Amino acid sequence: MAIFVEGDRDRRFFANVVQPLLAHRYSDVRIIEYRQRRPVETNKLMRAMTIQGYDHLFVADRDSAPCVGKRKEKIGRKYSNVPMTAVVVVYAEIESWFMLQA
């Protein structure tokens, strides 16, 4: 399982809360920060991990998007190798712990 998160706080949250919950299903859970990378690098990494058979989760804050669907559209334009079924848009910031998925 590959979980792409925006930054360090998100990585810590997923490492401490989500990763242990997935341990029974996935022997290898990788948490990857994507905001610090160029989109082309993230796209290449996503494609390589797909070829290797990894399941994906791509987590993004809603930010100023008017709705989850619009945020997913923006992500799709920037990260073309990210399947929209793998995108989870988090309301406000991950620290709010509320996750919405359209």
PDB file of N, CA and C in Angstrom:
ATOM      1  N   MET A   1       0.858  -1.172   0.000  1.00  0.00           N
ATOM      2  CA  MET A   1       0.000   0.000   0.000  1.00  0.00           C
ATOM      3  C   MET A   1       0.899   1.228   0.000  1.00  0.00           C
ATOM      4  N   ALA A   2       0.603   2.157  -0.871  1.00  0.00           N
ATOM      5  CA  ALA A   2       1.316   3.431  -0.918  1.00  0.00           C
ATOM      6  C   ALA A   2       0.327   4.537  -0.573  1.00  0.00           C
ATOM      7  N   ILE A   3       0.666   5.322   0.424  1.00  0.00           N
ATOM      8  CA  ILE A   3      -0.174   6.445   0.836  1.00  0.00           C
ATOM      9  C   ILE A   3       0.606   7.719   0.555  1.00  0.00           C
ATOM     10  N   PHE A   4       0.102   8.506  -0.375  1.00  0.00           N
ATOM     11  CA  PHE A   4       0.731   9.776  -0.724  1.00  0.00           C
ATOM     12  C   PHE A   4       0.066  10.872   0.099  1.00  0.00           C
ATOM     13  N   VAL A   5       0.875  11.600   0.859  1.00  0.00           N
ATOM     14  CA  VAL A   5       0.372  12.671   1.722  1.00  0.00           C
ATOM     15  C   VAL A   5       1.100  13.966   1.391  1.00  0.00           C
ATOM     16  N   GLU A   6       0.500  15.092   1.755  1.00  0.00           N
ATOM     17  CA  GLU A   6       1.075  16.383   1.390  1.00  0.00           C
ATOM     18  C   GLU A   6       2.380  16.695   2.111  1.00  0.00           C
ATOM     19  N   GLY A   7       2.417  16.557   3.410  1.00  0.00           N
ATOM     20  CA  GLY A   7       3.594  17.021   4.142  1.00  0.00           C
ATOM     21  C   GLY A   7       3.895  16.220   5.390  1.00  0.00           C
ATOM     22  N   ASP A   8       4.769  16.786   6.207  1.00  0.00           N
ATOM     23  CA  ASP A   8       5.290  16.112   7.390  1.00  0.00           C
ATOM     24  C   ASP A   8       4.211  15.816   8.436  1.00  0.00           C
ATOM     25  N   ARG A   9       3.341  16.768   8.713  1.00  0.00           N
ATOM     26  CA  ARG A   9       2.283  16.525   9.715  1.00  0.00           C
ATOM     27  C   ARG A   9       1.355  15.408   9.254  1.00  0.00           C
ATOM     28  N   ASP A  10       1.049  15.408   7.956  1.00  0.00           N
ATOM     29  CA  ASP A  10       0.196  14.354   7.404  1.00  0.00           C
ATOM     30  C   ASP A  10       0.892  12.994   7.524  1.00  0.00           C
ATOM     31  N   ARG A  11       2.186  12.970   7.201  1.00  0.00           N
ATOM     32  CA  ARG A  11       2.959  11.728   7.286  1.00  0.00           C
ATOM     33  C   ARG A  11       2.941  11.180   8.711  1.00  0.00           C
ATOM     34  N   ARG A  12       3.152  12.056   9.691  1.00  0.00           N
ATOM     35  CA  ARG A  12       3.148  11.606  11.093  1.00  0.00           C
ATOM     36  C   ARG A  12       1.782  11.065  11.499  1.00  0.00           C
ATOM     37  N   PHE A  13       0.711  11.745  11.088  1.00  0.00           N
ATOM     38  CA  PHE A  13      -0.635  11.273  11.401  1.00  0.00           C
ATOM     39  C   PHE A  13      -0.872   9.882  10.825  1.00  0.00           C
ATOM     40  N   PHE A  14      -0.553   9.712   9.543  1.00  0.00           N
ATOM     41  CA  PHE A  14      -0.785   8.419   8.900  1.00  0.00           C
ATOM     42  C   PHE A  14       0.123   7.334   9.458  1.00  0.00           C
ATOM     43  N   ALA A  15       1.353   7.682   9.802  1.00  0.00           N
ATOM     44  CA  ALA A  15       2.277   6.700  10.378  1.00  0.00           C
ATOM     45  C   ALA A  15       1.801   6.227  11.742  1.00  0.00           C
ATOM     46  N   ASN A  16       1.235   7.124  12.530  1.00  0.00           N
ATOM     47  CA  ASN A  16       0.835   6.780  13.900  1.00  0.00           C
ATOM     48  C   ASN A  16      -0.592   6.273  14.031  1.00  0.00           C
ATOM     49  N   VAL A  17      -1.474   6.691  13.136  1.00  0.00           N
ATOM     50  CA  VAL A  17      -2.888   6.326  13.269  1.00  0.00           C
ATOM     51  C   VAL A  17      -3.334   5.337  12.192  1.00  0.00           C
ATOM     52  N   VAL A  18      -3.060   5.636  10.944  1.00  0.00           N
ATOM     53  CA  VAL A  18      -3.595   4.834   9.844  1.00  0.00           C
ATOM     54  C   VAL A  18      -2.755   3.591   9.558  1.00  0.00           C
ATOM     55  N   GLN A  19      -1.453   3.751   9.524  1.00  0.00           N
ATOM     56  CA  GLN A  19      -0.586   2.618   9.198  1.00  0.00           C
ATOM     57  C   GLN A  19      -0.816   1.411  10.116  1.00  0.00           C
ATOM     58  N   PRO A  20      -0.924   1.590  11.432  1.00  0.00           N
ATOM     59  CA  PRO A  20      -1.193   0.423  12.281  1.00  0.00           C
ATOM     60  C   PRO A  20      -2.529  -0.257  11.962  1.00  0.00           C
ATOM     61  N   LEU A  21      -3.506   0.518  11.509  1.00  0.00           N
ATOM     62  CA  LEU A  21      -4.798  -0.069  11.159  1.00  0.00           C
ATOM     63  C   LEU A  21      -4.722  -0.898   9.882  1.00  0.00           C
ATOM     64  N   LEU A  22      -3.772  -0.568   9.017  1.00  0.00           N
ATOM     65  CA  LEU A  22      -3.614  -1.290   7.757  1.00  0.00           C
ATOM     66  C   LEU A  22      -2.643  -2.462   7.851  1.00  0.00           C
ATOM     67  N   ALA A  23      -1.951  -2.572   8.957  1.00  0.00           N
ATOM     68  CA  ALA A  23      -0.898  -3.590   9.104  1.00  0.00           C
ATOM     69  C   ALA A  23      -1.424  -5.011   8.945  1.00  0.00           C
ATOM     70  N   HIS A  24      -2.665  -5.259   9.319  1.00  0.00           N
ATOM     71  CA  HIS A  24      -3.213  -6.608   9.183  1.00  0.00           C
ATOM     72  C   HIS A  24      -3.481  -6.986   7.735  1.00  0.00           C
ATOM     73  N   ARG A  25      -3.640  -5.982   6.873  1.00  0.00           N
ATOM     74  CA  ARG A  25      -3.962  -6.242   5.464  1.00  0.00           C
ATOM     75  C   ARG A  25      -2.747  -6.105   4.543  1.00  0.00           C
ATOM     76  N   TYR A  26      -1.845  -5.186   4.879  1.00  0.00           N
ATOM     77  CA  TYR A  26      -0.686  -4.911   4.033  1.00  0.00           C
ATOM     78  C   TYR A  26       0.597  -5.096   4.839  1.00  0.00           C
ATOM     79  N   SER A  27       1.495  -5.897   4.310  1.00  0.00           N
ATOM     80  CA  SER A  27       2.770  -6.094   5.002  1.00  0.00           C
ATOM     81  C   SER A  27       3.713  -4.915   4.757  1.00  0.00           C
ATOM     82  N   ASP A  28       3.485  -4.190   3.677  1.00  0.00           N
ATOM     83  CA  ASP A  28       4.341  -3.057   3.324  1.00  0.00           C
ATOM     84  C   ASP A  28       3.469  -1.832   3.074  1.00  0.00           C
ATOM     85  N   VAL A  29       3.476  -0.893   4.013  1.00  0.00           N
ATOM     86  CA  VAL A  29       2.739   0.360   3.856  1.00  0.00           C
ATOM     87  C   VAL A  29       3.766   1.481   3.769  1.00  0.00           C
ATOM     88  N   ARG A  30       3.783   2.149   2.628  1.00  0.00           N
ATOM     89  CA  ARG A  30       4.726   3.249   2.419  1.00  0.00           C
ATOM     90  C   ARG A  30       3.973   4.571   2.444  1.00  0.00           C
ATOM     91  N   ILE A  31       4.487   5.497   3.213  1.00  0.00           N
ATOM     92  CA  ILE A  31       3.894   6.830   3.294  1.00  0.00           C
ATOM     93  C   ILE A  31       4.861   7.785   2.623  1.00  0.00           C
ATOM     94  N   ILE A  32       4.383   8.447   1.589  1.00  0.00           N
ATOM     95  CA  ILE A  32       5.238   9.267   0.733  1.00  0.00           C
ATOM     96  C   ILE A  32       4.714  10.694   0.702  1.00  0.00           C
ATOM     97  N   GLU A  33       5.581  11.646   1.028  1.00  0.00           N
ATOM     98  CA  GLU A  33       5.220  13.057   0.938  1.00  0.00           C
ATOM     99  C   GLU A  33       5.374  13.515  -0.510  1.00  0.00           C
ATOM    100  N   TYR A  34       4.321  14.121  -1.052  1.00  0.00           N
ATOM    101  CA  TYR A  34       4.393  14.531  -2.455  1.00  0.00           C
ATOM    102  C   TYR A  34       4.534  16.029  -2.656  1.00  0.00           C
ATOM    103  N   ARG A  35       4.184  16.846  -1.713  1.00  0.00           N
ATOM    104  CA  ARG A  35       4.208  18.292  -1.927  1.00  0.00           C
ATOM    105  C   ARG A  35       5.627  18.807  -2.185  1.00  0.00           C
ATOM    106  N   GLN A  36       6.619  18.181  -1.585  1.00  0.00           N
ATOM    107  CA  GLN A  36       7.997  18.627  -1.753  1.00  0.00           C
ATOM    108  C   GLN A  36       8.593  18.171  -3.083  1.00  0.00           C
ATOM    109  N   ARG A  37       7.916  17.301  -3.796  1.00  0.00           N
ATOM    110  CA  ARG A  37       8.394  16.793  -5.088  1.00  0.00           C
ATOM    111  C   ARG A  37       7.746  17.565  -6.237  1.00  0.00           C
ATOM    112  N   ARG A  38       8.401  17.549  -7.353  1.00  0.00           N
ATOM    113  CA  ARG A  38       7.775  18.096  -8.557  1.00  0.00           C
ATOM    114  C   ARG A  38       6.683  17.124  -8.986  1.00  0.00           C
ATOM    115  N   PRO A  39       5.584  17.626  -9.561  1.00  0.00           N
ATOM    116  CA  PRO A  39       4.501  16.724  -9.994  1.00  0.00           C
ATOM    117  C   PRO A  39       4.981  15.620 -10.931  1.00  0.00           C
ATOM    118  N   VAL A  40       5.930  15.924 -11.809  1.00  0.00           N
ATOM    119  CA  VAL A  40       6.425  14.894 -12.727  1.00  0.00           C
ATOM    120  C   VAL A  40       7.082  13.751 -11.957  1.00  0.00           C
ATOM    121  N   GLU A  41       7.766  14.043 -10.859  1.00  0.00           N
ATOM    122  CA  GLU A  41       8.385  13.001 -10.036  1.00  0.00           C
ATOM    123  C   GLU A  41       7.321  12.146  -9.355  1.00  0.00           C
ATOM    124  N   THR A  42       6.294  12.805  -8.833  1.00  0.00           N
ATOM    125  CA  THR A  42       5.209  12.069  -8.175  1.00  0.00           C
ATOM    126  C   THR A  42       4.488  11.187  -9.181  1.00  0.00           C
ATOM    127  N   ASN A  43       4.257  11.693 -10.391  1.00  0.00           N
ATOM    128  CA  ASN A  43       3.607  10.893 -11.431  1.00  0.00           C
ATOM    129  C   ASN A  43       4.432   9.662 -11.789  1.00  0.00           C
ATOM    130  N   LYS A  44       5.749   9.829 -11.912  1.00  0.00           N
ATOM    131  CA  LYS A  44       6.620   8.689 -12.219  1.00  0.00           C
ATOM    132  C   LYS A  44       6.597   7.669 -11.090  1.00  0.00           C
ATOM    133  N   LEU A  45       6.655   8.143  -9.865  1.00  0.00           N
ATOM    134  CA  LEU A  45       6.629   7.246  -8.713  1.00  0.00           C
ATOM    135  C   LEU A  45       5.304   6.489  -8.648  1.00  0.00           C
ATOM    136  N   MET A  46       4.210   7.190  -8.885  1.00  0.00           N
ATOM    137  CA  MET A  46       2.889   6.556  -8.873  1.00  0.00           C
ATOM    138  C   MET A  46       2.816   5.477  -9.957  1.00  0.00           C
ATOM    139  N   ARG A  47       3.311   5.775 -11.162  1.00  0.00           N
ATOM    140  CA  ARG A  47       3.290   4.801 -12.253  1.00  0.00           C
ATOM    141  C   ARG A  47       4.138   3.576 -11.891  1.00  0.00           C
ATOM    142  N   ALA A  48       5.335   3.800 -11.336  1.00  0.00           N
ATOM    143  CA  ALA A  48       6.217   2.692 -10.957  1.00  0.00           C
ATOM    144  C   ALA A  48       5.572   1.816  -9.889  1.00  0.00           C
ATOM    145  N   MET A  49       4.931   2.441  -8.920  1.00  0.00           N
ATOM    146  CA  MET A  49       4.309   1.670  -7.841  1.00  0.00           C
ATOM    147  C   MET A  49       3.081   0.900  -8.341  1.00  0.00           C
ATOM    148  N   THR A  50       2.398   1.457  -9.328  1.00  0.00           N
ATOM    149  CA  THR A  50       1.268   0.746  -9.936  1.00  0.00           C
ATOM    150  C   THR A  50       1.769  -0.511 -10.634  1.00  0.00           C
ATOM    151  N   ILE A  51       2.859  -0.368 -11.376  1.00  0.00           N
ATOM    152  CA  ILE A  51       3.452  -1.517 -12.064  1.00  0.00           C
ATOM    153  C   ILE A  51       3.886  -2.581 -11.065  1.00  0.00           C
ATOM    154  N   GLN A  52       4.373  -2.159  -9.901  1.00  0.00           N
ATOM    155  CA  GLN A  52       4.823  -3.087  -8.863  1.00  0.00           C
ATOM    156  C   GLN A  52       3.655  -3.722  -8.097  1.00  0.00           C
ATOM    157  N   GLY A  53       2.434  -3.252  -8.357  1.00  0.00           N
ATOM    158  CA  GLY A  53       1.257  -3.857  -7.741  1.00  0.00           C
ATOM    159  C   GLY A  53       0.780  -3.214  -6.460  1.00  0.00           C
ATOM    160  N   TYR A  54       1.259  -2.025  -6.153  1.00  0.00           N
ATOM    161  CA  TYR A  54       0.818  -1.337  -4.933  1.00  0.00           C
ATOM    162  C   TYR A  54      -0.601  -0.798  -5.082  1.00  0.00           C
ATOM    163  N   ASP A  55      -1.397  -0.920  -4.028  1.00  0.00           N
ATOM    164  CA  ASP A  55      -2.648  -0.179  -3.926  1.00  0.00           C
ATOM    165  C   ASP A  55      -2.262   1.243  -3.526  1.00  0.00           C
ATOM    166  N   HIS A  56      -3.138   2.207  -3.837  1.00  0.00           N
ATOM    167  CA  HIS A  56      -2.812   3.612  -3.578  1.00  0.00           C
ATOM    168  C   HIS A  56      -3.889   4.322  -2.779  1.00  0.00           C
ATOM    169  N   LEU A  57      -3.419   5.304  -2.048  1.00  0.00           N
ATOM    170  CA  LEU A  57      -4.276   6.307  -1.429  1.00  0.00           C
ATOM    171  C   LEU A  57      -3.553   7.629  -1.650  1.00  0.00           C
ATOM    172  N   PHE A  58      -4.230   8.609  -2.164  1.00  0.00           N
ATOM    173  CA  PHE A  58      -3.645   9.924  -2.408  1.00  0.00           C
ATOM    174  C   PHE A  58      -4.473  10.919  -1.605  1.00  0.00           C
ATOM    175  N   VAL A  59      -3.884  11.455  -0.547  1.00  0.00           N
ATOM    176  CA  VAL A  59      -4.616  12.298   0.401  1.00  0.00           C
ATOM    177  C   VAL A  59      -4.280  13.763   0.143  1.00  0.00           C
ATOM    178  N   ALA A  60      -5.326  14.596   0.060  1.00  0.00           N
ATOM    179  CA  ALA A  60      -5.132  16.027  -0.170  1.00  0.00           C
ATOM    180  C   ALA A  60      -6.124  16.817   0.671  1.00  0.00           C
ATOM    181  N   ASP A  61      -5.667  17.966   1.145  1.00  0.00           N
ATOM    182  CA  ASP A  61      -6.572  18.873   1.849  1.00  0.00           C
ATOM    183  C   ASP A  61      -7.518  19.509   0.845  1.00  0.00           C
ATOM    184  N   ARG A  62      -8.692  19.862   1.298  1.00  0.00           N
ATOM    185  CA  ARG A  62      -9.646  20.523   0.415  1.00  0.00           C
ATOM    186  C   ARG A  62      -9.188  21.931   0.057  1.00  0.00           C
ATOM    187  N   ASP A  63      -8.445  22.552   0.948  1.00  0.00           N
ATOM    188  CA  ASP A  63      -7.952  23.915   0.754  1.00  0.00           C
ATOM    189  C   ASP A  63      -9.104  24.851   0.436  1.00  0.00           C
ATOM    190  N   SER A  64      -8.976  25.645  -0.591  1.00  0.00           N
ATOM    191  CA  SER A  64     -10.014  26.635  -0.899  1.00  0.00           C
ATOM    192  C   SER A  64     -10.993  26.160  -1.971  1.00  0.00           C
ATOM    193  N   ALA A  65     -10.913  24.893  -2.338  1.00  0.00           N
ATOM    194  CA  ALA A  65     -11.834  24.366  -3.349  1.00  0.00           C
ATOM    195  C   ALA A  65     -13.268  24.437  -2.836  1.00  0.00           C
ATOM    196  N   PRO A  66     -14.207  24.783  -3.707  1.00  0.00           N
ATOM    197  CA  PRO A  66     -15.600  24.900  -3.257  1.00  0.00           C
ATOM    198  C   PRO A  66     -16.231  23.559  -2.884  1.00  0.00           C
ATOM    199  N   CYS A  67     -15.685  22.471  -3.423  1.00  0.00           N
ATOM    200  CA  CYS A  67     -16.223  21.150  -3.094  1.00  0.00           C
ATOM    201  C   CYS A  67     -15.160  20.086  -3.366  1.00  0.00           C
ATOM    202  N   VAL A  68     -15.422  18.892  -2.917  1.00  0.00           N
ATOM    203  CA  VAL A  68     -14.487  17.782  -3.065  1.00  0.00           C
ATOM    204  C   VAL A  68     -14.248  17.478  -4.541  1.00  0.00           C
ATOM    205  N   GLY A  69     -15.299  17.503  -5.340  1.00  0.00           N
ATOM    206  CA  GLY A  69     -15.174  17.204  -6.768  1.00  0.00           C
ATOM    207  C   GLY A  69     -14.232  18.152  -7.492  1.00  0.00           C
ATOM    208  N   LYS A  70     -14.320  19.438  -7.186  1.00  0.00           N
ATOM    209  CA  LYS A  70     -13.427  20.427  -7.808  1.00  0.00           C
ATOM    210  C   LYS A  70     -11.984  20.196  -7.387  1.00  0.00           C
ATOM    211  N   ARG A  71     -11.775  19.833  -6.137  1.00  0.00           N
ATOM    212  CA  ARG A  71     -10.409  19.561  -5.663  1.00  0.00           C
ATOM    213  C   ARG A  71      -9.840  18.343  -6.379  1.00  0.00           C
ATOM    214  N   LYS A  72     -10.669  17.314  -6.572  1.00  0.00           N
ATOM    215  CA  LYS A  72     -10.219  16.124  -7.289  1.00  0.00           C
ATOM    216  C   LYS A  72      -9.869  16.457  -8.737  1.00  0.00           C
ATOM    217  N   GLU A  73     -10.646  17.328  -9.359  1.00  0.00           N
ATOM    218  CA  GLU A  73     -10.343  17.748 -10.733  1.00  0.00           C
ATOM    219  C   GLU A  73      -8.974  18.406 -10.808  1.00  0.00           C
ATOM    220  N   LYS A  74      -8.686  19.270  -9.857  1.00  0.00           N
ATOM    221  CA  LYS A  74      -7.390  19.963  -9.826  1.00  0.00           C
ATOM    222  C   LYS A  74      -6.249  18.969  -9.629  1.00  0.00           C
ATOM    223  N   ILE A  75      -6.448  18.011  -8.766  1.00  0.00           N
ATOM    224  CA  ILE A  75      -5.436  16.986  -8.532  1.00  0.00           C
ATOM    225  C   ILE A  75      -5.217  16.176  -9.808  1.00  0.00           C
ATOM    226  N   GLY A  76      -6.298  15.828 -10.485  1.00  0.00           N
ATOM    227  CA  GLY A  76      -6.200  15.057 -11.721  1.00  0.00           C
ATOM    228  C   GLY A  76      -5.434  15.778 -12.816  1.00  0.00           C
ATOM    229  N   ARG A  77      -5.575  17.090 -12.870  1.00  0.00           N
ATOM    230  CA  ARG A  77      -4.832  17.867 -13.871  1.00  0.00           C
ATOM    231  C   ARG A  77      -3.342  17.912 -13.532  1.00  0.00           C
ATOM    232  N   LYS A  78      -3.015  17.985 -12.258  1.00  0.00           N
ATOM    233  CA  LYS A  78      -1.617  18.109 -11.837  1.00  0.00           C
ATOM    234  C   LYS A  78      -0.912  16.757 -11.744  1.00  0.00           C
ATOM    235  N   TYR A  79      -1.644  15.738 -11.313  1.00  0.00           N
ATOM    236  CA  TYR A  79      -1.076  14.403 -11.122  1.00  0.00           C
ATOM    237  C   TYR A  79      -1.852  13.415 -11.990  1.00  0.00           C
ATOM    238  N   SER A  80      -1.460  13.326 -13.243  1.00  0.00           N
ATOM    239  CA  SER A  80      -2.224  12.546 -14.221  1.00  0.00           C
ATOM    240  C   SER A  80      -2.179  11.037 -13.977  1.00  0.00           C
ATOM    241  N   ASN A  81      -1.213  10.541 -13.248  1.00  0.00           N
ATOM    242  CA  ASN A  81      -1.123   9.097 -12.992  1.00  0.00           C
ATOM    243  C   ASN A  81      -1.848   8.667 -11.716  1.00  0.00           C
ATOM    244  N   VAL A  82      -2.491   9.594 -11.054  1.00  0.00           N
ATOM    245  CA  VAL A  82      -3.222   9.267  -9.832  1.00  0.00           C
ATOM    246  C   VAL A  82      -4.662   8.915 -10.202  1.00  0.00           C
ATOM    247  N   PRO A  83      -5.077   7.675  -9.962  1.00  0.00           N
ATOM    248  CA  PRO A  83      -6.470   7.324 -10.244  1.00  0.00           C
ATOM    249  C   PRO A  83      -7.408   8.057  -9.286  1.00  0.00           C
ATOM    250  N   MET A  84      -8.451   8.644  -9.815  1.00  0.00           N
ATOM    251  CA  MET A  84      -9.368   9.427  -8.980  1.00  0.00           C
ATOM    252  C   MET A  84     -10.037   8.570  -7.909  1.00  0.00           C
ATOM    253  N   THR A  85     -10.117   7.283  -8.123  1.00  0.00           N
ATOM    254  CA  THR A  85     -10.684   6.396  -7.095  1.00  0.00           C
ATOM    255  C   THR A  85      -9.759   6.285  -5.890  1.00  0.00           C
ATOM    256  N   ALA A  86      -8.498   6.672  -6.055  1.00  0.00           N
ATOM    257  CA  ALA A  86      -7.529   6.604  -4.957  1.00  0.00           C
ATOM    258  C   ALA A  86      -7.430   7.910  -4.182  1.00  0.00           C
ATOM    259  N   VAL A  87      -8.083   8.964  -4.670  1.00  0.00           N
ATOM    260  CA  VAL A  87      -7.959  10.280  -4.045  1.00  0.00           C
ATOM    261  C   VAL A  87      -8.951  10.417  -2.892  1.00  0.00           C
ATOM    262  N   VAL A  88      -8.428  10.824  -1.748  1.00  0.00           N
ATOM    263  CA  VAL A  88      -9.251  11.126  -0.581  1.00  0.00           C
ATOM    264  C   VAL A  88      -9.009  12.593  -0.245  1.00  0.00           C
ATOM    265  N   VAL A  89     -10.070  13.368  -0.253  1.00  0.00           N
ATOM    266  CA  VAL A  89      -9.959  14.791   0.062  1.00  0.00           C
ATOM    267  C   VAL A  89     -10.367  14.987   1.518  1.00  0.00           C
ATOM    268  N   VAL A  90      -9.461  15.617   2.258  1.00  0.00           N
ATOM    269  CA  VAL A  90      -9.673  15.835   3.681  1.00  0.00           C
ATOM    270  C   VAL A  90     -10.196  17.245   3.881  1.00  0.00           C
ATOM    271  N   TYR A  91     -11.259  17.354   4.607  1.00  0.00           N
ATOM    272  CA  TYR A  91     -11.838  18.662   4.869  1.00  0.00           C
ATOM    273  C   TYR A  91     -10.890  19.466   5.747  1.00  0.00           C
ATOM    274  N   ALA A  92     -10.588  20.664   5.344  1.00  0.00           N
ATOM    275  CA  ALA A  92      -9.654  21.561   6.044  1.00  0.00           C
ATOM    276  C   ALA A  92      -8.257  20.954   6.027  1.00  0.00           C
ATOM    277  N   GLU A  93      -7.774  20.461   7.150  1.00  0.00           N
ATOM    278  CA  GLU A  93      -6.451  19.840   7.218  1.00  0.00           C
ATOM    279  C   GLU A  93      -6.575  18.498   7.894  1.00  0.00           C
ATOM    280  N   ILE A  94      -5.569  17.683   7.722  1.00  0.00           N
ATOM    281  CA  ILE A  94      -5.586  16.337   8.286  1.00  0.00           C
ATOM    282  C   ILE A  94      -5.781  16.369   9.795  1.00  0.00           C
ATOM    283  N   GLU A  95      -5.333  17.430  10.409  1.00  0.00           N
ATOM    284  CA  GLU A  95      -5.461  17.530  11.854  1.00  0.00           C
ATOM    285  C   GLU A  95      -6.917  17.546  12.306  1.00  0.00           C
ATOM    286  N   SER A  96      -7.823  17.891  11.387  1.00  0.00           N
ATOM    287  CA  SER A  96      -9.238  17.910  11.753  1.00  0.00           C
ATOM    288  C   SER A  96      -9.803  16.483  11.862  1.00  0.00           C
ATOM    289  N   TRP A  97      -9.118  15.521  11.240  1.00  0.00           N
ATOM    290  CA  TRP A  97      -9.480  14.109  11.284  1.00  0.00           C
ATOM    291  C   TRP A  97     -10.816  13.803  10.622  1.00  0.00           C
ATOM    292  N   PHE A  98     -11.332  14.726   9.833  1.00  0.00           N
ATOM    293  CA  PHE A  98     -12.556  14.458   9.096  1.00  0.00           C
ATOM    294  C   PHE A  98     -12.188  14.198   7.641  1.00  0.00           C
ATOM    295  N   MET A  99     -12.507  13.034   7.121  1.00  0.00           N
ATOM    296  CA  MET A  99     -12.173  12.719   5.740  1.00  0.00           C
ATOM    297  C   MET A  99     -13.450  12.569   4.943  1.00  0.00           C
ATOM    298  N   LEU A 100     -13.479  13.251   3.793  1.00  0.00           N
ATOM    299  CA  LEU A 100     -14.628  13.168   2.899  1.00  0.00           C
ATOM    300  C   LEU A 100     -14.148  12.576   1.580  1.00  0.00           C
ATOM    301  N   GLN A 101     -14.958  11.769   0.990  1.00  0.00           N
ATOM    302  CA  GLN A 101     -14.601  11.220  -0.310  1.00  0.00           C
ATOM    303  C   GLN A 101     -15.826  11.321  -1.195  1.00  0.00           C
ATOM    304  N   ALA A 102     -15.625  11.920  -2.360  1.00  0.00           N
ATOM    305  CA  ALA A 102     -16.750  12.071  -3.313  1.00  0.00           C
ATOM    306  C   ALA A 102     -16.880  10.841  -4.175  1.00  0.00           C
TER     307      ALA A 102
END
